[in-house]
Amino acid sequence: AREVYRLVSDEVHAIVKEQYALLNEEILPQLATEGIRFLKRGDWNDAQREWIRGFFFREVMPVITPIGLDPSHPFPRVLNKSLNFAVELEGRDAFGRSSGAAIVQAPRVLPRVIRLPRELGDSEYAFVFLSSILHEFVHELFAGMKVLGCYQFRVTRNSNLFVDEGEITNLRAKIQGELPQRHFGDAVRLEVANSCSEAMTQFLLGQFNLSESDLYRVAGPVNLVRLMQVPDWVLRSDLKFQPFNPGTPKALQKCHSVFDSIRGGDILLHHPYQSFNSVIELLEQSANDPLVVAIKMTAYRTGTDSVLMQSLLRAAQNGKEVTVVVELMARFDEEANIGWATKLEEVGAHVVYGVVGYKTH
């Protein structure tokens, strides 16, 4: 197992290195030629710097709390995959305390990418990373002290739920008890800025009980997933894939009743090439049709905003016999599934909790 883990680690290190090389050497330069720029601190002009400074004091500083590391302030609990900054300091703070380091945790409510007003730059779309803003103004958080370095980092924790399905009588209660600890499982990976000092890197590895093989030095934001929102902000259809519109079988295109169409013959739906709206329409009609007396189905991944689950709730409220097998071990959707199951039970639906043996995606 250790040998397999080492091979996987080597492969993932290579993938992450290639990922950031593509970002910095190909994607960002090509975006810049199209008027879509991600500005580094050294690229800010005076007007941009002034606007960003105002953004920091108005939106960022009020919601962050720096934590100085000293005997009375131990290393804080760091949430799974949250954005954090390790700050090296020199001098004494306003209370006369000498702290060589501090941790600044960025709340998840803060945007990781900020778009600058159009009139502030020569590009139609200009963005800055939250990490760049914090790097530039982090000294404002430590009055009277000198900031020697500021480095972003992120820790990935083991998010498995430790549930032995064969030895428990109430699976839902057991999972609910495990969920609050998911964000604080054992650390398995540490990502740091490639500029992070060796002393701070070793300090962080020690805090999370990790080794060098668990360390990833990255040349950019530690969470590239947050860049996925940028295409929605950029109104350039010529740079995007053409949108795909799933089709609807002919038998369902002009029908007013899904049941009438089914009586005419079997209908095969091929997702995602054909629209899932037909399934939703079937459930909605079933919830309201007085001839429907029972609905039985399995729910695997529901999400927090599910039209499908709303239809099942309405069906139960309309007096129909609703039976739902809810998959409690749907990874990272356990909390949403439990929430919907509770709502279904409250309106009289019969909920069966279990672990589905075979799943079709």
Protein backbone atom coordinates (compact mmCIF):
# COMPACT_ATOMS: atom_id res chain seq x y z
CA ALA A 1 0.00 0.00 0.00
CA ARG A 2 2.85 2.42 0.77
CA GLU A 3 4.39 1.74 -2.62
CA VAL A 4 1.08 2.40 -4.39
CA TYR A 5 0.65 5.60 -2.39
CA ARG A 6 4.14 6.74 -3.40
CA LEU A 7 3.42 6.09 -7.08
CA VAL A 8 0.13 7.98 -6.87
CA SER A 9 1.85 10.86 -5.08
CA ASP A 10 4.55 11.12 -7.76
CA GLU A 11 1.92 11.16 -10.50
CA VAL A 12 -0.21 13.80 -8.77
CA HIS A 13 2.82 16.04 -8.16
CA ALA A 14 3.58 15.90 -11.88
CA ILE A 15 -0.04 16.65 -12.80
CA VAL A 16 -0.23 19.66 -10.46
CA LYS A 17 3.06 21.01 -11.85
CA GLU A 18 1.74 20.69 -15.40
CA GLN A 19 -1.57 22.27 -14.37
CA TYR A 20 0.07 25.47 -13.15
CA ALA A 21 2.45 25.55 -16.10
CA LEU A 22 -0.55 25.50 -18.45
CA LEU A 23 -2.20 28.26 -16.44
CA ASN A 24 0.81 30.59 -16.34
CA GLU A 25 2.44 29.86 -19.68
CA GLU A 26 -0.55 29.32 -21.96
CA ILE A 27 -3.97 30.17 -20.55
CA LEU A 28 -3.30 33.52 -18.86
CA PRO A 29 -1.12 34.90 -21.71
CA GLN A 30 -3.74 33.90 -24.30
CA LEU A 31 -6.51 35.47 -22.23
CA ALA A 32 -4.46 38.68 -21.99
CA THR A 33 -4.28 38.91 -25.79
CA GLU A 34 -8.10 38.83 -25.78
CA GLY A 35 -8.37 41.68 -23.27
CA ILE A 36 -8.93 39.44 -20.24
CA ARG A 37 -6.16 40.11 -17.74
CA PHE A 38 -5.34 38.89 -14.25
CA LEU A 39 -3.27 41.68 -12.79
CA LYS A 40 -0.34 41.02 -10.49
CA ARG A 41 0.52 43.58 -7.83
CA GLY A 42 3.35 44.96 -9.92
CA ASP A 43 0.91 45.64 -12.78
CA TRP A 44 -1.47 47.86 -10.80
CA ASN A 45 -1.58 51.50 -11.81
CA ASP A 46 -2.29 54.23 -9.24
CA ALA A 47 -6.03 54.31 -9.88
CA GLN A 48 -6.32 50.54 -9.62
CA ARG A 49 -4.26 50.45 -6.44
CA GLU A 50 -6.48 53.07 -4.84
CA TRP A 51 -9.65 51.18 -5.76
CA ILE A 52 -8.20 47.89 -4.50
CA ARG A 53 -7.08 49.57 -1.28
CA GLY A 54 -10.65 50.78 -0.73
CA PHE A 55 -11.97 47.29 -1.45
CA PHE A 56 -9.60 45.85 1.16
CA PHE A 57 -10.68 48.24 3.91
CA ARG A 58 -14.35 48.05 2.97
CA GLU A 59 -14.89 44.36 2.16
CA VAL A 60 -11.93 42.34 3.40
CA MET A 61 -10.51 43.78 6.60
CA PRO A 62 -13.81 43.80 8.57
CA VAL A 63 -14.33 40.04 8.16
CA ILE A 64 -10.85 38.65 8.80
CA THR A 65 -9.17 38.10 12.16
CA PRO A 66 -5.41 37.58 12.25
CA ILE A 67 -4.23 35.09 14.84
CA GLY A 68 -0.77 35.71 16.31
CA LEU A 69 1.01 32.51 17.26
CA ASP A 70 2.35 32.57 20.82
CA PRO A 71 1.95 30.44 23.98
CA SER A 72 -1.51 31.91 24.64
CA HIS A 73 -2.61 31.63 20.98
CA PRO A 74 -1.88 28.15 19.58
CA PHE A 75 -2.10 27.22 15.93
CA PRO A 76 -5.78 27.51 14.89
CA ARG A 77 -7.95 24.74 13.51
CA VAL A 78 -7.78 25.10 9.75
CA LEU A 79 -10.82 24.02 7.76
CA ASN A 80 -10.48 21.50 4.94
CA LYS A 81 -9.46 23.22 1.67
CA SER A 82 -9.88 26.72 3.10
CA LEU A 83 -7.65 29.61 1.98
CA ASN A 84 -5.18 30.71 4.64
CA PHE A 85 -2.09 32.90 4.88
CA ALA A 86 0.99 32.29 6.98
CA VAL A 87 2.64 35.60 7.92
CA GLU A 88 6.21 36.02 9.19
CA LEU A 89 6.55 38.99 11.53
CA GLU A 90 9.14 41.02 13.36
CA GLY A 91 8.62 43.36 16.32
CA ARG A 92 5.87 43.76 18.92
CA ASP A 93 2.15 44.26 18.47
CA ALA A 94 -0.05 46.91 20.08
CA PHE A 95 -0.15 44.88 23.31
CA GLY A 96 3.62 44.57 23.52
CA ARG A 97 3.63 40.93 22.53
CA SER A 98 6.35 39.53 20.31
CA SER A 99 5.06 36.99 17.82
CA GLY A 100 7.20 35.70 15.00
CA ALA A 101 4.28 34.39 13.00
CA ALA A 102 0.53 34.72 12.49
CA ILE A 103 -2.22 32.96 10.57
CA VAL A 104 -4.84 34.86 8.57
CA GLN A 105 -7.87 32.79 7.55
CA ALA A 106 -9.88 34.02 4.56
CA PRO A 107 -13.61 33.46 5.14
CA ARG A 108 -15.38 31.59 2.38
CA VAL A 109 -17.80 34.49 1.92
CA LEU A 110 -15.00 36.51 0.35
CA PRO A 111 -14.65 36.21 -3.44
CA ARG A 112 -11.34 34.70 -4.53
CA VAL A 113 -11.39 36.65 -7.81
CA ILE A 114 -12.40 40.33 -7.98
CA ARG A 115 -13.26 42.16 -11.17
CA LEU A 116 -12.04 45.75 -11.43
CA PRO A 117 -14.30 48.49 -12.83
CA ARG A 118 -13.89 48.85 -16.61
CA GLU A 119 -12.86 52.50 -16.38
CA LEU A 120 -9.81 51.66 -14.27
CA GLY A 121 -7.83 49.79 -16.89
CA ASP A 122 -6.93 49.44 -20.52
CA SER A 123 -8.48 45.95 -20.69
CA GLU A 124 -12.16 45.21 -21.06
CA TYR A 125 -11.89 42.62 -18.32
CA ALA A 126 -9.39 43.06 -15.50
CA PHE A 127 -9.29 40.77 -12.47
CA VAL A 128 -7.22 40.50 -9.30
CA PHE A 129 -6.91 37.58 -6.94
CA LEU A 130 -7.89 37.95 -3.31
CA SER A 131 -4.49 36.51 -2.44
CA SER A 132 -2.79 39.43 -4.23
CA ILE A 133 -4.88 41.93 -2.27
CA LEU A 134 -4.04 40.33 1.06
CA HIS A 135 -0.36 40.15 0.17
CA GLU A 136 -0.34 43.86 -0.64
CA PHE A 137 -2.18 45.09 2.44
CA VAL A 138 -1.50 42.43 5.06
CA HIS A 139 0.70 44.90 6.97
CA GLU A 140 -2.45 46.86 7.81
CA LEU A 141 -3.46 43.97 10.07
CA PHE A 142 -0.31 44.15 12.19
CA ALA A 143 0.15 47.71 13.39
CA GLY A 144 3.63 48.42 14.72
CA MET A 145 5.09 45.19 13.32
CA LYS A 146 7.11 44.47 10.21
CA VAL A 147 5.83 41.85 7.80
CA LEU A 148 8.74 39.73 6.56
CA GLY A 149 6.67 37.43 4.39
CA CYS A 150 3.10 36.41 3.57
CA TYR A 151 2.34 33.04 2.00
CA GLN A 152 -0.96 31.47 1.03
CA PHE A 153 -1.54 27.84 1.94
CA ARG A 154 -4.29 25.26 1.89
CA VAL A 155 -4.59 21.92 3.65
CA THR A 156 -6.62 18.98 2.35
CA ARG A 157 -8.04 16.72 5.02
CA ASN A 158 -9.31 13.16 4.99
CA SER A 159 -13.07 13.60 4.52
CA ASN A 160 -14.11 9.97 4.85
CA LEU A 161 -16.94 9.28 7.27
CA PHE A 162 -16.00 6.49 9.64
CA VAL A 163 -19.25 4.56 9.70
CA ASP A 164 -19.43 0.78 10.14
CA GLU A 165 -22.74 -0.03 8.53
CA GLY A 166 -22.79 -3.54 10.00
CA GLU A 167 -22.47 -2.48 13.64
CA ILE A 168 -24.91 0.43 13.95
CA THR A 169 -28.66 0.50 14.34
CA ASN A 170 -29.30 4.12 13.35
CA LEU A 171 -27.31 4.98 10.24
CA ARG A 172 -28.76 8.48 9.93
CA ALA A 173 -27.90 9.45 13.50
CA LYS A 174 -24.38 8.06 13.12
CA ILE A 175 -23.73 10.00 9.89
CA GLN A 176 -25.16 13.20 11.40
CA GLY A 177 -22.75 12.79 14.28
CA GLU A 178 -19.81 12.36 11.92
CA LEU A 179 -20.56 15.28 9.56
CA PRO A 180 -19.38 18.15 11.85
CA GLN A 181 -15.92 16.55 12.06
CA ARG A 182 -15.51 16.12 8.29
CA HIS A 183 -13.78 19.50 7.90
CA PHE A 184 -11.23 18.62 10.59
CA GLY A 185 -10.06 15.14 9.58
CA ASP A 186 -6.40 14.22 9.41
CA ALA A 187 -4.39 16.33 6.97
CA VAL A 188 -3.25 14.49 3.82
CA ARG A 189 -1.89 17.31 1.63
CA LEU A 190 -0.40 20.77 2.10
CA GLU A 191 -0.33 23.32 -0.74
CA VAL A 192 1.82 26.41 -0.32
CA ALA A 193 2.88 29.29 -2.51
CA ASN A 194 6.15 28.53 -4.28
CA SER A 195 7.58 31.66 -2.65
CA CYS A 196 7.00 30.30 0.86
CA SER A 197 10.17 30.35 2.95
CA GLU A 198 11.70 27.03 3.91
CA ALA A 199 11.31 27.82 7.62
CA MET A 200 7.59 28.52 7.28
CA THR A 201 7.09 25.48 5.05
CA GLN A 202 8.67 23.19 7.62
CA PHE A 203 6.66 24.84 10.39
CA LEU A 204 3.37 24.20 8.53
CA LEU A 205 4.30 20.61 7.72
CA GLY A 206 4.99 20.05 11.40
CA GLN A 207 1.67 21.56 12.45
CA PHE A 208 -0.25 19.20 10.16
CA ASN A 209 2.00 16.19 10.82
CA LEU A 210 2.88 15.87 7.15
CA SER A 211 6.08 14.97 5.29
CA GLU A 212 7.80 16.44 2.23
CA SER A 213 5.98 13.98 -0.03
CA ASP A 214 2.69 15.58 1.07
CA LEU A 215 3.86 19.08 0.10
CA TYR A 216 2.79 20.83 -3.13
CA ARG A 217 4.43 24.13 -4.05
CA VAL A 218 2.19 25.98 -6.51
CA ALA A 219 2.79 28.99 -8.76
CA GLY A 220 -0.57 30.67 -8.38
CA PRO A 221 -3.81 30.47 -6.39
CA VAL A 222 -4.00 27.33 -4.27
CA ASN A 223 -7.60 26.73 -5.38
CA LEU A 224 -7.98 26.93 -9.14
CA VAL A 225 -11.60 25.78 -8.92
CA ARG A 226 -12.55 29.34 -7.97
CA LEU A 227 -11.60 30.40 -11.52
CA MET A 228 -14.64 28.55 -12.87
CA GLN A 229 -16.83 31.59 -12.21
CA VAL A 230 -14.77 33.83 -14.51
CA PRO A 231 -16.28 32.60 -17.83
CA ASP A 232 -19.72 33.65 -16.57
CA TRP A 233 -18.42 37.21 -16.09
CA VAL A 234 -16.82 37.44 -19.52
CA LEU A 235 -19.33 38.09 -22.30
CA ARG A 236 -17.30 36.58 -25.12
CA SER A 237 -19.23 33.75 -26.76
CA ASP A 238 -16.47 33.41 -29.38
CA LEU A 239 -14.10 32.16 -26.67
CA LYS A 240 -16.47 29.60 -25.21
CA PHE A 241 -17.78 26.22 -26.24
CA GLN A 242 -21.13 26.39 -27.98
CA PRO A 243 -23.89 25.65 -25.45
CA PHE A 244 -25.38 22.20 -25.69
CA ASN A 245 -29.16 21.95 -25.56
CA PRO A 246 -30.38 18.43 -24.76
CA GLY A 247 -33.19 17.18 -26.92
CA THR A 248 -36.64 15.80 -26.13
CA PRO A 249 -38.03 12.58 -27.67
CA LYS A 250 -40.71 13.24 -30.28
CA ALA A 251 -43.29 11.39 -28.21
CA LEU A 252 -42.90 13.97 -25.44
CA GLN A 253 -42.44 17.15 -27.46
CA LYS A 254 -46.09 18.14 -27.90
CA CYS A 255 -47.79 16.10 -25.22
CA HIS A 256 -49.82 17.56 -22.39
CA SER A 257 -49.71 14.36 -20.36
CA VAL A 258 -46.63 12.21 -19.96
CA PHE A 259 -48.92 9.31 -19.05
CA ASP A 260 -50.72 9.55 -22.39
CA SER A 261 -47.37 9.41 -24.18
CA ILE A 262 -46.28 6.37 -22.19
CA ARG A 263 -49.53 4.58 -23.06
CA GLY A 264 -48.58 4.98 -26.71
CA GLY A 265 -45.35 3.03 -26.23
CA ASP A 266 -42.14 2.82 -24.24
CA ILE A 267 -39.95 5.92 -24.22
CA LEU A 268 -36.20 5.63 -23.73
CA LEU A 269 -34.41 8.68 -22.33
CA HIS A 270 -30.67 8.93 -22.88
CA HIS A 271 -29.11 11.44 -20.45
CA PRO A 272 -27.45 13.89 -20.73
CA TYR A 273 -28.12 13.96 -24.48
CA GLN A 274 -31.83 14.13 -23.83
CA SER A 275 -33.40 16.51 -21.36
CA PHE A 276 -34.07 15.46 -17.77
CA ASN A 277 -37.07 17.81 -17.80
CA SER A 278 -39.21 14.92 -18.99
CA VAL A 279 -38.51 13.04 -15.74
CA ILE A 280 -39.27 16.14 -13.69
CA GLU A 281 -42.51 16.65 -15.64
CA LEU A 282 -43.50 13.03 -14.95
CA LEU A 283 -43.04 13.54 -11.20
CA GLU A 284 -44.83 16.89 -11.19
CA GLN A 285 -47.82 15.43 -13.02
CA SER A 286 -47.77 12.40 -10.72
CA ALA A 287 -47.85 14.64 -7.64
CA ASN A 288 -51.02 16.36 -8.87
CA ASP A 289 -52.82 13.58 -10.78
CA PRO A 290 -55.73 12.20 -8.69
CA LEU A 291 -55.37 8.82 -10.41
CA VAL A 292 -51.81 8.36 -9.06
CA VAL A 293 -51.98 6.68 -5.66
CA ALA A 294 -48.31 5.80 -4.99
CA ILE A 295 -44.81 6.88 -5.99
CA LYS A 296 -41.72 4.80 -5.24
CA MET A 297 -38.18 5.80 -6.11
CA THR A 298 -34.55 5.96 -5.03
CA ALA A 299 -32.76 9.25 -4.33
CA TYR A 300 -28.98 9.22 -4.58
CA ARG A 301 -27.60 12.76 -5.01
CA THR A 302 -30.24 15.40 -4.47
CA GLY A 303 -28.51 18.74 -3.85
CA THR A 304 -29.87 21.46 -1.60
CA ASP A 305 -32.24 22.85 -4.24
CA SER A 306 -34.03 19.93 -5.86
CA VAL A 307 -37.17 20.29 -7.99
CA LEU A 308 -37.49 16.51 -7.93
CA MET A 309 -37.65 16.38 -4.12
CA GLN A 310 -40.12 19.26 -4.06
CA SER A 311 -42.43 17.20 -6.27
CA LEU A 312 -42.20 14.25 -3.89
CA LEU A 313 -43.02 16.52 -0.94
CA ARG A 314 -46.06 17.87 -2.77
CA ALA A 315 -47.19 14.34 -3.65
CA ALA A 316 -47.06 13.30 0.01
CA GLN A 317 -48.92 16.45 1.00
CA ASN A 318 -51.59 15.54 -1.55
CA GLY A 319 -52.18 12.23 0.24
CA LYS A 320 -50.26 9.88 -2.04
CA GLU A 321 -48.24 6.96 -0.72
CA VAL A 322 -44.65 8.13 -1.27
CA THR A 323 -41.79 5.74 -0.57
CA VAL A 324 -38.21 6.92 -1.09
CA VAL A 325 -35.00 4.96 -0.58
CA VAL A 326 -32.47 7.61 0.41
CA GLU A 327 -28.78 6.88 -0.12
CA LEU A 328 -27.12 8.22 3.02
CA MET A 329 -23.55 7.49 1.91
CA ALA A 330 -23.63 9.68 -1.22
CA ARG A 331 -20.20 11.20 -0.72
CA PHE A 332 -20.35 14.93 0.18
CA ASP A 333 -24.13 14.95 -0.33
CA GLU A 334 -24.95 13.19 2.94
CA GLU A 335 -26.10 16.37 4.67
CA ALA A 336 -28.41 17.38 1.81
CA ASN A 337 -29.89 13.88 1.60
CA ILE A 338 -30.57 13.76 5.33
CA GLY A 339 -32.23 17.18 5.14
CA TRP A 340 -34.60 16.09 2.37
CA ALA A 341 -35.32 12.79 4.11
CA THR A 342 -36.34 14.66 7.25
CA LYS A 343 -38.68 16.94 5.28
CA LEU A 344 -40.24 13.91 3.54
CA GLU A 345 -40.88 12.22 6.86
CA GLU A 346 -42.48 15.39 8.22
CA VAL A 347 -45.15 15.33 5.48
CA GLY A 348 -45.89 11.62 5.87
CA ALA A 349 -43.67 10.00 3.26
CA HIS A 350 -42.08 6.64 4.03
CA VAL A 351 -38.29 6.97 3.94
CA VAL A 352 -35.98 3.98 3.83
CA TYR A 353 -32.41 4.75 4.81
CA GLY A 354 -29.75 2.59 3.33
CA VAL A 355 -26.70 2.15 1.18
CA VAL A 356 -27.55 1.38 -2.41
CA GLY A 357 -25.43 -1.49 -3.65
CA TYR A 358 -25.34 -0.66 -7.34
CA LYS A 359 -25.45 2.87 -8.75
CA THR A 360 -25.90 4.06 -12.29
CA HIS A 361 -24.42 7.46 -13.09
